[in-house]
Protein backbone atom coordinates (compact mmCIF):
# COMPACT_ATOMS: atom_id res chain seq x y z
CA MET A 1 -58.58 29.55 14.29
CA ASN A 2 -61.96 31.16 13.51
CA LYS A 3 -63.72 27.92 14.42
CA GLU A 4 -61.85 27.79 17.73
CA LEU A 5 -62.79 31.38 18.51
CA GLY A 6 -66.40 30.61 17.63
CA SER A 7 -66.34 27.64 19.99
CA MET A 8 -64.90 29.80 22.78
CA LYS A 9 -67.63 32.39 22.27
CA SER A 10 -70.21 29.64 22.32
CA LYS A 11 -68.96 28.36 25.67
CA VAL A 12 -69.04 31.86 27.12
CA SER A 13 -72.54 32.53 25.84
CA ILE A 14 -74.16 29.55 27.51
CA MET A 15 -72.92 30.46 30.97
CA LEU A 16 -76.32 32.00 31.81
CA GLU A 17 -77.73 29.56 34.36
CA LEU A 18 -81.19 29.29 35.88
CA THR A 19 -81.17 29.55 39.67
CA GLU A 20 -83.78 29.28 42.41
CA GLY A 21 -83.49 33.03 42.89
CA ASP A 22 -84.88 33.51 39.37
CA VAL A 23 -88.14 31.70 40.21
CA GLN A 24 -91.23 33.43 41.64
CA LEU A 25 -94.03 31.11 42.79
CA GLY A 26 -97.71 31.84 43.42
CA LYS A 27 -98.21 34.18 40.47
CA ASN A 28 -101.62 34.90 38.95
CA ALA A 29 -102.61 36.73 35.78
CA ALA A 30 -105.93 37.06 33.97
CA THR A 31 -104.28 37.42 30.55
CA LYS A 32 -100.90 36.79 28.98
CA GLN A 33 -100.51 40.55 28.52
CA GLU A 34 -100.85 40.99 32.29
CA ALA A 35 -98.45 38.12 32.90
CA ILE A 36 -95.85 39.66 30.60
CA GLU A 37 -96.19 43.08 32.22
CA HIS A 38 -95.65 41.56 35.67
CA ILE A 39 -92.55 39.75 34.45
CA ALA A 40 -91.23 42.96 32.90
CA ASP A 41 -91.77 44.78 36.21
CA ASP A 42 -89.67 42.15 37.99
CA LEU A 43 -86.94 42.40 35.35
CA VAL A 44 -86.84 46.14 36.06
CA ALA A 45 -86.79 45.51 39.83
CA LYS A 46 -83.83 43.13 39.41
CA GLY A 47 -81.94 45.82 37.54
CA LEU A 48 -81.79 43.78 34.35
CA VAL A 49 -83.77 46.20 32.16
CA VAL A 50 -85.06 49.77 32.28
CA GLU A 51 -88.65 50.95 32.14
CA GLY A 52 -90.24 50.45 28.75
CA TYR A 53 -88.90 46.92 28.10
CA SER A 54 -92.43 45.58 28.55
CA SER A 55 -93.50 47.29 25.31
CA GLY A 56 -90.87 45.28 23.45
CA MET A 57 -91.99 42.05 25.12
CA LEU A 58 -95.62 42.71 24.17
CA SER A 59 -94.62 43.67 20.65
CA ARG A 60 -92.62 40.46 20.32
CA GLU A 61 -95.63 38.46 21.53
CA ASN A 62 -97.85 40.09 18.92
CA GLN A 63 -95.40 39.14 16.17
CA ASN A 64 -95.21 35.46 17.12
CA SER A 65 -96.37 33.57 20.20
CA THR A 66 -93.53 32.72 22.56
CA TYR A 67 -95.29 29.55 23.69
CA LEU A 68 -92.90 26.62 23.27
CA GLY A 69 -94.92 23.67 24.52
CA ASN A 70 -95.48 21.63 27.68
CA GLY A 71 -96.84 24.67 29.51
CA ILE A 72 -93.72 26.80 28.93
CA ALA A 73 -93.44 30.24 27.32
CA ILE A 74 -90.38 32.47 26.92
CA PRO A 75 -91.56 36.10 26.62
CA HIS A 76 -88.74 38.44 25.64
CA GLY A 77 -88.13 41.75 23.89
CA THR A 78 -87.47 42.61 20.27
CA THR A 79 -84.13 43.51 18.75
CA ASP A 80 -85.29 47.14 18.84
CA THR A 81 -85.47 47.05 22.65
CA ARG A 82 -82.10 45.43 23.33
CA ASP A 83 -80.72 48.85 24.20
CA LEU A 84 -83.07 48.78 27.22
CA VAL A 85 -81.27 45.71 28.60
CA LYS A 86 -78.73 46.62 31.27
CA GLN A 87 -77.66 43.06 32.06
CA THR A 88 -78.55 39.67 30.62
CA GLY A 89 -80.74 37.61 32.90
CA VAL A 90 -84.11 35.92 33.41
CA GLN A 91 -87.18 36.15 35.60
CA ILE A 92 -89.36 33.06 35.93
CA HIS A 93 -93.01 33.27 36.98
CA HIS A 94 -94.93 30.17 38.00
CA PHE A 95 -98.68 30.17 37.42
CA ALA A 96 -100.26 27.21 39.24
CA ASN A 97 -103.67 28.14 37.78
CA GLY A 98 -102.27 28.65 34.31
CA VAL A 99 -102.51 31.56 31.90
CA ASN A 100 -104.28 31.41 28.54
CA TRP A 101 -101.49 32.04 26.03
CA GLY A 102 -103.77 31.82 23.00
CA ASN A 103 -104.48 29.07 20.46
CA GLY A 104 -105.66 26.76 23.23
CA ASN A 105 -102.30 26.81 25.01
CA THR A 106 -102.00 27.18 28.78
CA VAL A 107 -98.78 28.42 30.35
CA TYR A 108 -97.73 27.35 33.84
CA LEU A 109 -94.20 28.65 33.59
CA ALA A 110 -93.16 31.87 31.82
CA ILE A 111 -89.44 32.52 31.52
CA GLY A 112 -88.94 36.21 30.89
CA ILE A 113 -85.64 36.81 29.12
CA ALA A 114 -83.57 39.98 28.98
CA ALA A 115 -80.62 39.46 26.65
CA LYS A 116 -78.04 41.94 25.39
CA SER A 117 -76.65 39.44 22.92
CA ASP A 118 -77.07 35.67 22.41
CA GLU A 119 -76.36 34.61 26.00
CA HIS A 120 -79.87 33.16 26.31
CA LEU A 121 -79.42 30.63 23.48
CA GLY A 122 -77.96 28.16 25.96
CA ILE A 123 -81.20 28.22 27.96
CA LEU A 124 -83.29 27.82 24.81
CA LYS A 125 -81.15 24.85 23.79
CA GLN A 126 -81.50 23.35 27.26
CA LEU A 127 -85.28 23.72 27.17
CA THR A 128 -85.56 21.76 23.94
CA HIS A 129 -84.80 18.62 25.93
CA VAL A 130 -87.93 19.00 28.08
CA LEU A 131 -90.43 20.38 25.61
CA SER A 132 -91.42 16.98 24.24
CA ALA A 133 -90.89 14.90 27.39
CA GLU A 134 -93.87 13.23 28.99
CA GLY A 135 -95.29 14.57 32.25
CA VAL A 136 -93.44 17.90 32.18
CA GLU A 137 -96.55 20.06 32.00
CA GLU A 138 -98.18 18.31 34.95
CA LYS A 139 -94.99 18.55 37.01
CA LEU A 140 -94.77 22.27 36.36
CA LYS A 141 -98.43 22.76 37.15
CA THR A 142 -98.20 21.04 40.53
CA ALA A 143 -94.76 22.32 41.57
CA THR A 144 -94.64 24.01 44.98
CA HIS A 145 -90.91 24.80 45.26
CA ALA A 146 -88.41 26.55 43.03
CA GLU A 147 -86.14 23.54 43.32
CA GLN A 148 -88.83 21.33 41.74
CA ILE A 149 -89.20 23.68 38.80
CA LEU A 150 -85.48 23.85 38.11
CA SER A 151 -85.29 20.08 38.40
CA VAL A 152 -87.89 19.75 35.64
CA LEU A 153 -86.25 22.36 33.42
CA LYS A 154 -82.85 20.70 33.75
CA GLY A 155 -84.30 17.33 32.82
CA ALA A 156 -83.64 15.67 36.17
CA ASN A 157 -85.00 12.12 36.38
CA GLN A 158 -85.78 12.20 32.68
CA GLN A 159 -84.97 9.06 30.84
CA VAL A 160 -82.83 9.38 27.77
CA LEU A 161 -81.67 6.74 25.35
CA LEU A 162 -78.72 4.72 26.63
CA PHE A 163 -76.43 3.90 23.73
CA ASP A 164 -72.77 4.52 24.36
CA GLU A 165 -69.42 2.80 24.68
CA SER A 166 -70.63 0.83 27.70
CA THR A 167 -73.25 -1.01 25.61
CA ILE A 168 -71.04 -1.79 22.61
CA THR A 169 -68.90 -4.91 22.14
CA LEU A 170 -66.68 -5.19 19.08
CA SER A 171 -64.97 -8.19 17.47
CA PHE A 172 -66.42 -10.70 19.94
CA PRO A 173 -65.30 -14.32 19.29
CA ALA A 174 -68.83 -15.63 18.82
CA THR A 175 -70.04 -18.43 16.58
CA ASP A 176 -73.74 -18.30 17.47
CA LEU A 177 -76.44 -15.67 17.98
CA LEU A 178 -77.38 -16.89 21.47
CA SER A 179 -74.00 -15.99 22.93
CA MET A 180 -74.12 -12.60 21.18
CA SER A 181 -77.59 -11.98 22.61
CA ALA A 182 -76.36 -12.92 26.07
CA VAL A 183 -73.51 -10.43 25.87
CA CYS A 184 -75.84 -7.62 24.78
CA ALA A 185 -78.39 -8.44 27.46
CA GLY A 186 -75.64 -8.58 30.05
CA LYS A 187 -74.35 -5.16 29.01
CA LEU A 188 -77.80 -3.62 29.44
CA LYS A 189 -78.35 -5.35 32.78
CA ASN A 190 -74.96 -4.17 34.06
CA ALA A 191 -75.97 -0.64 33.10
CA ASN A 192 -79.14 -1.10 35.18
CA ALA A 193 -81.25 -0.40 32.09
CA VAL A 194 -83.06 -3.77 32.30
CA ASP A 195 -83.74 -6.48 34.87
CA GLN A 196 -83.53 -10.26 34.80
CA ASP A 197 -87.00 -10.56 33.28
CA TYR A 198 -85.73 -8.73 30.22
CA VAL A 199 -82.72 -11.02 29.94
CA SER A 200 -84.93 -14.10 30.13
CA ALA A 201 -87.39 -12.74 27.59
CA LEU A 202 -84.66 -11.76 25.17
CA LEU A 203 -82.81 -15.06 25.33
CA GLY A 204 -86.07 -16.91 24.82
CA GLN A 205 -86.50 -15.55 21.31
CA SER A 206 -84.59 -15.83 18.06
CA PRO A 207 -83.02 -12.72 16.54
CA ILE A 208 -84.32 -11.51 13.18
CA CYS A 209 -82.10 -11.04 10.14
CA LEU A 210 -82.31 -7.49 8.78
CA GLY A 211 -79.87 -8.18 5.98
CA GLN A 212 -76.28 -7.35 5.03
CA GLY A 213 -75.01 -9.22 8.10
CA LEU A 214 -77.05 -7.23 10.63
CA TRP A 215 -79.49 -8.94 13.01
CA ILE A 216 -81.83 -7.59 15.66
CA ASN A 217 -83.73 -8.69 18.76
CA ALA A 218 -85.79 -6.66 21.21
CA SER A 219 -88.10 -6.78 24.21
CA SER A 220 -90.13 -4.35 26.33
CA ILE A 221 -90.31 -6.72 29.32
CA GLY A 222 -88.35 -5.65 32.39
CA VAL A 223 -87.07 -2.43 30.81
CA LYS A 224 -86.03 0.36 33.19
CA GLN A 225 -84.55 2.67 30.55
CA THR A 226 -84.82 2.62 26.78
CA SER A 227 -81.45 1.44 25.57
CA ILE A 228 -79.55 -0.19 22.74
CA ALA A 229 -76.65 -2.62 22.76
CA PHE A 230 -74.55 -3.65 19.79
CA ILE A 231 -72.10 -6.48 19.24
CA SER A 232 -70.04 -7.41 16.21
CA SER A 233 -68.57 -10.83 15.49
CA GLU A 234 -64.81 -11.25 15.21
CA GLN A 235 -64.90 -13.57 12.21
CA GLY A 236 -68.55 -13.63 11.17
CA PHE A 237 -70.57 -16.78 10.56
CA ASP A 238 -73.76 -18.01 8.89
CA VAL A 239 -77.15 -18.99 10.29
CA ASP A 240 -79.42 -20.83 7.87
CA GLY A 241 -77.37 -19.48 5.00
CA LYS A 242 -77.56 -15.87 6.21
CA ALA A 243 -74.45 -13.96 7.21
CA VAL A 244 -74.03 -12.79 10.81
CA LYS A 245 -71.68 -9.85 11.32
CA GLY A 246 -73.42 -7.94 14.07
CA LEU A 247 -76.44 -7.88 16.37
CA ILE A 248 -78.35 -4.89 17.64
CA THR A 249 -80.38 -5.41 20.81
CA VAL A 250 -83.17 -3.03 21.79
CA ALA A 251 -84.79 -2.53 25.20
CA ALA A 252 -87.66 -0.06 24.90
CA ASN A 253 -90.26 1.44 27.22
CA THR A 254 -90.36 4.80 25.37
CA ASP A 255 -89.83 5.83 21.74
CA GLU A 256 -86.38 7.34 22.32
CA HIS A 257 -84.89 4.72 20.00
CA ALA A 258 -87.20 5.53 17.08
CA GLU A 259 -84.76 7.81 15.27
CA ILE A 260 -82.02 5.18 15.32
CA MET A 261 -84.42 2.56 13.98
CA LYS A 262 -85.25 4.89 11.08
CA ASN A 263 -81.55 5.36 10.46
CA ILE A 264 -81.03 1.59 10.39
CA GLY A 265 -83.77 1.34 7.78
CA LYS A 266 -82.01 3.99 5.71
CA LEU A 267 -78.69 2.16 5.99
CA LEU A 268 -80.33 -1.05 4.81
CA PHE A 269 -82.07 0.70 1.91
CA ASP A 270 -78.83 2.36 0.79
CA GLY A 271 -76.82 -0.84 1.22
CA LYS A 272 -74.50 0.79 3.74
CA VAL A 273 -74.89 -1.44 6.79
CA ALA A 274 -71.17 -2.22 6.57
CA ASP A 275 -70.63 1.27 8.01
CA VAL A 276 -71.79 0.07 11.45
CA PHE A 277 -69.13 -2.59 11.71
CA GLY A 278 -66.59 0.03 12.71
CA ALA A 279 -63.25 -0.19 14.42
CA SER A 280 -64.33 1.80 17.47
CA PRO A 281 -67.47 2.38 19.56
CA GLU A 282 -67.46 6.01 18.40
CA SER A 283 -67.62 4.99 14.74
CA VAL A 284 -70.46 2.56 15.48
CA ILE A 285 -72.49 5.23 17.26
CA LYS A 286 -71.82 7.69 14.45
CA ALA A 287 -72.95 5.18 11.84
CA PHE A 288 -76.22 4.52 13.66
CA THR A 289 -77.02 8.08 14.63
CA ASP A 290 -75.45 10.36 12.04
CA ILE A 291 -77.28 9.41 8.88
CA ARG A 292 -77.23 12.09 6.19
CA GLN A 293 -80.40 12.50 4.15
CA GLY A 294 -80.14 12.97 0.41
CA GLY A 295 -81.75 15.47 -1.94
CA LEU A 296 -81.20 19.02 -3.12
CA SER A 297 -78.74 20.81 -0.85
CA GLN A 298 -77.70 24.42 -0.39
CA ILE A 299 -75.75 26.30 2.26
CA PHE A 300 -76.90 29.61 3.73
CA LYS A 301 -75.16 31.84 6.27
CA ILE A 302 -77.19 33.23 9.17
CA LYS A 303 -76.96 37.03 9.33
CA ASN A 304 -79.12 37.63 12.40
CA ALA A 305 -77.09 39.43 15.03
CA HIS A 306 -78.28 37.10 17.77
CA GLY A 307 -78.55 33.89 15.79
CA LEU A 308 -81.61 31.69 15.57
CA HIS A 309 -83.32 32.60 18.81
CA ALA A 310 -87.04 31.94 19.21
CA ARG A 311 -88.45 34.44 16.73
CA PRO A 312 -86.27 33.82 13.63
CA GLY A 313 -86.21 30.12 14.47
CA ALA A 314 -90.01 30.01 14.53
CA MET A 315 -90.18 31.88 11.23
CA LEU A 316 -87.73 29.47 9.61
CA VAL A 317 -89.77 26.49 10.80
CA SER A 318 -93.06 28.06 9.65
CA ILE A 319 -91.60 28.51 6.16
CA ALA A 320 -90.37 24.92 6.05
CA LYS A 321 -93.80 23.65 7.10
CA LYS A 322 -95.42 25.25 4.05
CA PHE A 323 -93.87 22.66 1.77
CA ASP A 324 -94.66 18.99 1.23
CA SER A 325 -91.02 18.05 0.77
CA GLN A 326 -88.97 16.69 3.60
CA ILE A 327 -86.51 19.33 4.78
CA TRP A 328 -83.43 18.77 6.92
CA VAL A 329 -80.92 21.25 8.25
CA LEU A 330 -77.34 20.82 9.43
CA ASN A 331 -75.34 23.41 11.35
CA LEU A 332 -71.91 23.16 9.74
CA ASP A 333 -70.47 25.05 12.71
CA GLY A 334 -72.21 22.77 15.23
CA ASP A 335 -72.16 19.10 16.13
CA GLY A 336 -72.67 17.91 12.56
CA LYS A 337 -76.09 16.39 13.17
CA GLN A 338 -78.81 16.74 10.56
CA VAL A 339 -82.27 17.49 11.99
CA ASN A 340 -85.83 18.02 10.82
CA ALA A 341 -86.18 21.68 9.79
CA LYS A 342 -89.92 21.54 10.55
CA SER A 343 -89.30 21.02 14.27
CA LEU A 344 -88.76 24.22 16.28
CA MET A 345 -87.26 22.27 19.17
CA LYS A 346 -84.65 20.66 16.95
CA VAL A 347 -83.84 23.86 15.10
CA ILE A 348 -83.29 25.80 18.34
CA ALA A 349 -81.19 22.91 19.69
CA LEU A 350 -78.72 23.48 16.84
CA GLY A 351 -77.47 26.52 18.77
CA VAL A 352 -77.15 28.65 15.63
CA ARG A 353 -75.32 31.95 16.05
CA GLN A 354 -74.52 34.82 13.72
CA GLY A 355 -72.20 33.71 10.95
CA HIS A 356 -72.99 30.02 11.30
CA GLU A 357 -73.54 28.20 8.02
CA LEU A 358 -76.60 25.97 7.66
CA GLU A 359 -76.87 23.28 5.03
CA PHE A 360 -80.47 22.61 4.02
CA THR A 361 -81.41 19.42 2.21
CA THR A 362 -84.83 19.00 0.61
CA ASP A 363 -86.44 15.96 -0.97
CA GLY A 364 -89.88 15.95 -2.55
CA VAL A 365 -92.11 17.38 -5.25
CA ASP A 366 -91.51 21.01 -4.26
CA ALA A 367 -87.91 20.61 -3.11
CA GLN A 368 -86.43 23.37 -5.28
CA VAL A 369 -89.19 25.85 -4.43
CA ALA A 370 -88.73 25.07 -0.72
CA ILE A 371 -84.99 25.58 -0.70
CA ASP A 372 -85.35 28.82 -2.69
CA ALA A 373 -87.94 30.13 -0.21
CA ILE A 374 -85.72 29.27 2.74
CA GLY A 375 -82.76 31.03 1.15
CA GLN A 376 -84.82 34.15 0.46
CA ALA A 377 -86.13 34.23 4.05
CA ILE A 378 -82.62 33.88 5.49
CA GLU A 379 -81.33 36.59 3.17
CA ALA A 380 -84.15 38.88 4.34
CA GLY A 381 -83.21 38.28 7.98
CA LEU A 382 -86.05 35.95 9.04
CA GLY A 383 -88.27 38.81 10.13
CA GLU A 384 -85.48 40.84 11.73
CA GLY A 385 -84.40 42.83 8.69
């Protein structure tokens, strides 16, 4: 029941949506302090905050930069100034000439946030999908309409990896790799992810045996969208004495598939490729994408009243980066996906709220020291007391 209530609260909290009315074009500021003060003035004018909120925004900026990447910053107040927030909302300022945000970073879009609780976490999570995408900064810089800016922020026209039920074929009655390759290529072509040149290039090569019954082929010719297709054989067969149970076909014009390829390598190393020959497309996708890293593990509960928003999230990441060990984190109250704890974008995307339990896994020479330091920082409130 508690989990269900938490899910309901989560759905309510992400209802804050960016609209064209939140965007102000043609803004100029000589410094980031001036930019923040102008944003605070507009938040007051919109009735979202009362006078004095700017001091909290400037104080927050002095504690940790709110620059996220790709020309985007999210200036907002501290927990001490939440009582100055009358209503949760945002004010977006577009700086075509850019504003020096420090450390060599130029901001073209500043999203000023006024939040009474954790309603803004949905926006932060949404932004994580555009912070590492190519061309975002230039699009924001040259935008001339609010609609263009929102389109960029919402990830419109961004290519994402295509790997779903439509590209998976299970228990196919195949006795040769060519027919399996043809089915995979056909799936990708039907999804409009590749053209006929890709199909020809793929069928003109021989798949490579990865081991444990799994084979692979790939091409970058004629690719419209990075995508993956998978097919498993109904009975299985041998090619040159090597077992064939399944074939993974890759079409790539970006690196969106890189994480899955790493996961495949981990499956092979651990001798667990059999996990991908599942009974349903969902189980296949889970096997390829939901690989759990091993090492020292410990679970910590987040105490912060407003979850892992930008400031505590940044502090958590900065602590993780101090150590040589690999560090992963899993939100046990989230989607169950383990991510790199040294990536702010991925940590924010976990959508961590107060009371959520995070499982940290560390592997390396300083693994125990790292996990102890993380636990101490979380216990201390990640800079928020």
